Protein backbone atom coordinates (compact mmCIF):
# COMPACT_ATOMS: atom_id res chain seq x y z
CA MET A 1 19.98 25.28 85.24
CA PRO A 2 18.18 21.94 85.17
CA ALA A 3 19.19 19.37 87.76
CA PHE A 4 20.13 16.87 85.05
CA MET A 5 21.68 17.84 81.73
CA PRO A 6 21.20 15.29 78.93
CA CYS A 7 24.22 12.99 78.83
CA PRO A 8 26.14 13.39 75.56
CA ILE A 9 27.31 9.77 75.77
CA CYS A 10 24.23 7.79 76.85
CA PRO A 11 21.20 7.34 74.53
CA PRO A 12 18.89 10.40 74.38
CA ASN A 13 16.09 8.66 76.29
CA CYS A 14 18.40 7.63 79.15
CA THR A 15 17.41 9.06 82.55
CA ASP A 16 19.85 10.42 85.09
CA GLU A 17 19.39 7.32 87.26
CA GLU A 18 20.12 5.04 84.30
CA CYS A 19 23.19 7.09 83.38
CA PHE A 20 24.39 6.92 86.99
CA ASP A 21 23.88 3.14 87.16
CA PHE A 22 25.57 2.59 83.80
CA GLN A 23 28.69 4.52 84.81
CA ARG A 24 29.04 2.73 88.13
CA ALA A 25 28.68 -0.65 86.43
CA HIS A 26 30.72 -0.09 83.26
CA GLY A 27 33.00 2.86 83.97
CA CYS A 28 32.80 6.57 84.61
CA HIS A 29 32.27 8.80 81.55
CA ALA A 30 35.12 11.00 82.80
CA CYS A 31 37.76 8.69 84.29
CA ASP A 32 36.64 5.20 83.12
CA ARG A 33 36.82 3.76 86.65
CA ILE A 34 34.21 1.20 87.73
CA GLY A 35 32.12 2.50 90.61
CA CYS A 36 32.67 6.16 89.75
CA TRP A 37 30.49 8.63 87.84
CA ASN A 38 31.22 12.01 86.28
CA ALA A 39 29.24 13.95 88.88
CA ASN A 40 31.11 12.32 91.74
CA PRO A 41 33.09 15.02 93.64
CA SER A 42 35.89 12.47 94.26
CA CYS A 43 36.27 11.77 90.54
CA ARG A 44 39.73 12.81 89.33
CA PHE A 45 38.09 14.56 86.38
CA PHE A 46 35.16 16.11 88.27
CA ASN A 47 33.80 19.10 86.35
CA ARG A 48 36.39 18.57 83.65
CA SER A 49 35.92 17.56 80.03
CA ARG A 50 37.97 14.88 78.33
CA GLU A 51 41.06 15.99 76.46
CA ALA A 52 40.53 16.77 72.79
CA HIS A 53 42.76 13.85 71.80
CA ALA A 54 41.99 10.43 70.31
CA ASP A 55 43.67 8.62 73.21
CA ALA A 56 41.32 10.35 75.68
CA GLN A 57 38.11 9.20 74.00
CA LEU A 58 35.93 6.41 75.30
CA GLY A 59 36.54 2.90 74.06
CA ASP A 60 39.20 1.35 71.83
CA VAL A 61 39.20 3.87 69.01
CA VAL A 62 42.89 4.24 68.11
CA PRO A 63 45.46 1.70 66.88
CA HIS A 64 47.43 -0.06 69.58
CA MET A 65 51.11 0.87 69.82
CA ARG A 66 51.98 -2.67 68.68
CA GLU A 67 49.18 -3.01 66.15
CA THR A 68 50.56 -4.31 62.88
CA ARG A 69 48.84 -4.49 59.50
CA ILE A 70 49.84 -7.64 57.60
CA THR A 71 48.81 -8.53 54.08
CA CYS A 72 49.88 -11.49 51.98
CA THR A 73 49.63 -12.21 48.27
CA ALA A 74 50.45 -15.38 46.35
CA ASP A 75 51.00 -14.90 42.64
CA GLY A 76 49.02 -11.68 42.96
CA THR A 77 46.07 -13.26 44.82
CA LEU A 78 45.23 -11.87 48.26
CA MET A 79 45.52 -14.61 50.90
CA GLN A 80 43.41 -14.40 54.04
CA GLY A 81 42.54 -16.33 57.18
CA ARG A 82 43.78 -19.75 58.18
CA LEU A 83 45.74 -21.61 55.51
CA ASN A 84 47.00 -25.16 55.17
CA VAL A 85 50.44 -26.40 56.13
CA ARG A 86 53.11 -25.54 53.53
CA TRP A 87 50.50 -23.86 51.34
CA TRP A 88 53.12 -21.46 49.89
CA GLU A 89 54.85 -24.28 48.02
CA ARG A 90 52.07 -24.23 45.43
CA TYR A 91 52.91 -20.67 44.39
CA ARG A 92 55.80 -18.96 42.67
CA ALA A 93 55.69 -15.55 44.37
CA VAL A 94 54.47 -15.23 47.98
CA ARG A 95 54.78 -11.70 49.29
CA PHE A 96 54.11 -10.17 52.72
CA THR A 97 53.57 -6.48 53.42
CA ILE A 98 53.87 -5.25 57.00
CA ASN A 99 52.32 -1.86 57.68
CA ASP A 100 53.77 0.30 54.90
CA SER A 101 56.85 -1.81 54.22
CA ALA A 102 58.01 -2.87 50.79
CA PRO A 103 56.99 -6.44 49.87
CA LEU A 104 58.93 -9.14 51.69
CA MET A 105 59.44 -12.79 50.82
CA MET A 106 60.14 -15.78 53.04
CA GLY A 107 63.70 -17.03 53.13
CA PHE A 108 65.05 -20.29 54.51
CA ALA A 109 66.45 -21.31 57.87
CA SER A 110 68.00 -24.52 59.10
CA GLY A 111 65.78 -26.56 61.38
CA ASP A 112 68.73 -28.65 62.59
CA GLU A 113 68.24 -29.45 66.29
CA CYS A 114 65.30 -27.01 66.39
CA ASN A 115 67.56 -23.97 66.14
CA CYS A 116 65.66 -22.20 63.36
CA LEU A 117 65.06 -19.11 65.52
CA ILE A 118 68.81 -18.75 66.04
CA ASP A 119 69.55 -19.23 62.35
CA THR A 120 66.79 -16.80 61.34
CA LEU A 121 67.99 -14.00 63.63
CA ARG A 122 71.59 -14.73 62.64
CA GLN A 123 70.71 -14.15 58.99
CA GLN A 124 68.78 -10.97 59.70
CA LEU A 125 71.76 -9.58 61.60
CA HIS A 126 74.19 -10.75 58.86
CA LEU A 127 76.27 -12.82 61.26
CA ASP A 128 78.46 -15.86 60.80
CA CYS A 129 78.45 -17.86 64.03
CA ASP A 130 78.10 -21.31 65.54
CA THR A 131 74.39 -21.85 66.11
CA ILE A 132 75.08 -24.89 68.30
CA ALA A 133 77.19 -22.77 70.65
CA VAL A 134 74.49 -20.10 70.79
CA ARG A 135 71.89 -22.77 71.52
CA ALA A 136 74.01 -24.07 74.41
CA PHE A 137 74.22 -20.51 75.72
CA VAL A 138 70.43 -20.11 75.59
CA GLN A 139 69.92 -23.57 77.05
CA ALA A 140 72.06 -22.73 80.08
CA ARG A 141 69.86 -19.72 80.82
CA HIS A 142 66.59 -21.66 80.78
CA ALA A 143 66.47 -24.60 83.15
CA ASP A 144 62.97 -25.53 81.95
CA LEU A 145 63.98 -25.67 78.27
CA ILE A 146 64.09 -29.27 77.06
CA GLN A 147 67.30 -30.18 75.24
CA GLY A 148 66.64 -30.13 71.51
CA ASP A 149 63.15 -28.66 71.87
CA TYR A 150 61.82 -25.68 69.90
CA LEU A 151 62.82 -22.19 70.95
CA GLU A 152 59.95 -19.76 71.47
CA LEU A 153 60.20 -16.21 70.21
CA GLN A 154 58.64 -14.61 73.27
CA HIS A 155 60.82 -16.39 75.82
CA HIS A 156 64.14 -16.88 74.05
CA TRP A 157 64.88 -14.14 71.50
CA ARG A 158 66.66 -11.89 74.00
CA ASP A 159 69.05 -14.63 75.08
CA VAL A 160 69.70 -15.49 71.44
CA LEU A 161 70.94 -11.93 70.95
CA TYR A 162 73.04 -12.15 74.10
CA GLY A 163 74.47 -15.37 72.70
CA PHE A 164 75.48 -13.57 69.51
CA ALA A 165 77.28 -10.97 71.59
CA GLU A 166 79.02 -13.73 73.53
CA PHE A 167 80.38 -15.61 70.53
CA VAL A 168 80.60 -12.97 67.80
CA GLY A 169 81.19 -9.82 69.79
CA GLY A 170 79.54 -6.49 69.23
CA ASP A 171 76.52 -4.83 70.78
CA PHE A 172 73.35 -6.89 70.46
CA THR A 173 71.41 -5.35 73.34
CA PRO A 174 67.78 -6.53 73.05
CA ALA A 175 66.51 -3.05 73.95
CA ASN A 176 67.80 -1.85 70.58
CA TYR A 177 65.66 -4.28 68.58
CA LYS A 178 62.07 -4.95 67.65
CA ILE A 179 61.15 -8.29 66.13
CA VAL A 180 58.04 -8.42 63.97
CA CYS A 181 56.99 -12.01 63.30
CA VAL A 182 54.16 -12.80 60.89
CA ASP A 183 52.29 -16.08 61.04
CA ALA A 184 52.47 -17.66 57.60
CA ASN A 185 49.50 -19.94 58.29
CA PHE A 186 47.18 -17.44 59.99
CA ILE A 187 47.37 -14.40 57.75
CA GLY A 188 47.06 -11.16 59.69
CA ASN A 189 48.34 -12.70 62.92
CA GLY A 190 51.78 -12.67 64.46
CA ASP A 191 53.87 -11.32 67.31
CA VAL A 192 55.81 -8.17 68.06
CA GLU A 193 58.62 -8.41 70.60
CA GLY A 194 60.70 -5.50 71.82
CA ASP A 195 60.37 -1.84 70.96
CA GLY A 196 63.82 -0.88 69.73
CA ALA A 197 64.64 1.17 66.67
CA SER A 198 66.14 -1.71 64.66
CA ILE A 199 63.36 -3.88 63.24
CA LEU A 200 63.91 -7.51 62.27
CA TYR A 201 61.18 -9.09 60.13
CA ILE A 202 60.69 -12.84 60.39
CA ALA A 203 57.94 -15.39 59.70
CA ARG A 204 56.69 -18.45 61.55
CA GLN A 205 55.77 -21.38 59.33
CA ASN A 206 53.50 -24.25 60.40
CA ALA A 207 53.46 -22.92 63.98
CA ASN A 208 56.98 -24.10 64.80
CA HIS A 209 59.53 -23.06 62.18
CA PHE A 210 61.02 -19.57 61.86
CA VAL A 211 62.45 -18.09 58.65
CA PRO A 212 63.71 -14.61 57.76
CA LEU A 213 61.58 -12.21 55.76
CA LEU A 214 63.73 -10.71 53.04
CA PRO A 215 63.38 -7.79 50.62
CA VAL A 216 62.20 -8.85 47.18
CA PRO A 217 65.16 -8.54 44.78
CA ALA A 218 65.09 -6.30 41.75
CA VAL A 219 63.47 -7.67 38.59
CA GLY A 220 66.70 -9.03 37.18
CA ASP A 221 67.52 -10.84 40.42
CA ASP A 222 64.08 -12.20 41.33
CA PRO A 223 64.53 -15.62 42.98
CA MET A 224 61.48 -16.84 41.06
CA SER A 225 63.50 -16.38 37.90
CA CYS A 226 66.19 -18.72 36.59
CA ASP A 227 68.09 -15.99 34.79
CA SER A 228 70.79 -16.04 37.45
CA ASP A 229 72.59 -18.69 39.47
CA SER A 230 71.31 -17.43 42.80
CA GLY A 231 67.78 -17.15 41.48
CA ALA A 232 67.77 -20.75 40.28
CA VAL A 233 69.06 -22.08 43.58
CA HIS A 234 66.49 -20.14 45.58
CA TRP A 235 63.66 -21.25 43.29
CA LEU A 236 64.56 -24.91 43.66
CA HIS A 237 65.12 -24.58 47.38
CA GLY A 238 61.42 -24.07 48.05
CA ASN A 239 60.56 -27.71 47.37
CA PRO A 240 61.76 -30.42 49.80
CA VAL A 241 62.70 -32.89 47.05
CA MET A 242 64.47 -30.23 45.04
CA SER A 243 66.26 -29.18 48.22
CA PHE A 244 67.68 -32.70 48.28
CA LEU A 245 68.90 -32.24 44.72
CA VAL A 246 70.48 -28.92 45.62
CA PHE A 247 72.33 -30.76 48.38
CA LEU A 248 73.56 -33.40 45.91
CA GLU A 249 74.37 -31.28 42.91
CA LYS A 250 77.73 -29.96 44.12
CA ASP A 251 79.20 -33.46 44.23
CA THR A 252 77.21 -35.32 41.60
CA ILE A 253 76.78 -32.99 38.67
CA GLN A 254 80.43 -33.31 37.63
CA THR A 255 80.87 -36.99 38.49
CA LYS A 256 79.91 -40.40 37.09
CA TRP A 257 76.53 -39.99 38.84
CA PHE A 258 75.50 -37.19 36.52
CA PRO A 259 73.20 -39.37 34.30
CA ILE A 260 71.39 -40.62 37.41
CA PHE A 261 71.06 -37.05 38.60
CA LEU A 262 69.41 -36.08 35.31
CA LEU A 263 67.06 -39.05 35.57
CA ILE A 264 66.02 -38.00 39.08
CA ILE A 265 65.30 -34.47 37.87
CA PHE A 266 63.20 -35.83 35.01
CA LYS A 267 61.18 -37.94 37.45
CA ILE A 268 60.64 -34.94 39.72
CA ASP A 269 59.51 -32.88 36.74
CA ILE A 270 56.76 -35.42 36.01
CA LEU A 271 55.62 -35.83 39.63
CA ALA A 272 55.71 -32.21 40.70
CA ASP A 273 54.66 -30.65 37.39
CA PHE A 274 57.79 -28.50 37.23
CA SER A 275 58.59 -26.61 34.08
CA PHE A 276 61.55 -28.57 32.76
CA TYR A 277 63.27 -25.59 31.23
CA LYS A 278 63.85 -24.24 34.73
CA VAL A 279 65.64 -27.43 35.75
CA GLN A 280 67.70 -27.29 32.57
CA SER A 281 68.66 -23.71 33.38
CA PHE A 282 69.77 -24.82 36.83
CA ILE A 283 71.98 -27.56 35.40
CA PHE A 284 73.45 -25.25 32.82
CA LEU A 285 74.34 -22.67 35.42
CA LYS A 286 75.97 -25.15 37.76
CA ILE A 287 78.20 -26.92 35.21
């Protein structure tokens, strides 16, 4: 038997000395340790071949356990890379797909006192609770958290769940949950926290605002449509000025201010290039 068998990993013209030096500098062909080599008698895998399994092969050749595939479309157009602040407001239908999930759409969360993370997780868990009380609970557990500052997913989501258990009751043990957060401004990026069986999908907008990711309703209930009351409200809610009108409509649409309300809507239609029949549908539904 020859003293040196050609290395199946190194280039064909690599000598035994070069193979030896490469393994000591970059990692043993057998055990991956720096300073070791596969002919080293002290190697843990001396005279053994690698397992016939993808995880045992050299290099990063298999998906990471937390690797997540994220795609985003806006009105059917694939969106990629870094996008501008509030870019989604220019489109009717923005959809995210996470791994093999059904399409998801961004919902809405209150940013009052920077508690959007609490409100987002509250919605995804279908809870009715006092977000201010939960915030105080989280605040008490983090001495370095500035009063009224943003909550960070990585550092605070577990205590948000504990806060739900404190004020709502029930079992909200963080170990039971996994939170998948997509970055709405850096498509393909995001965070995965936890490894529980119950998955909560959320999105981070403009680097500091969290919202729930929701299943896309059936065709007849699509929030982009104004065929239903809920659809009209959701469609209008995506624009900040129209959100103001949604806030006013409950008190103004049936009062003496109704003509002014119509005038405001007409102005918004001109400035924002809204289709006026949608606004008319909204008014009709709310009367």
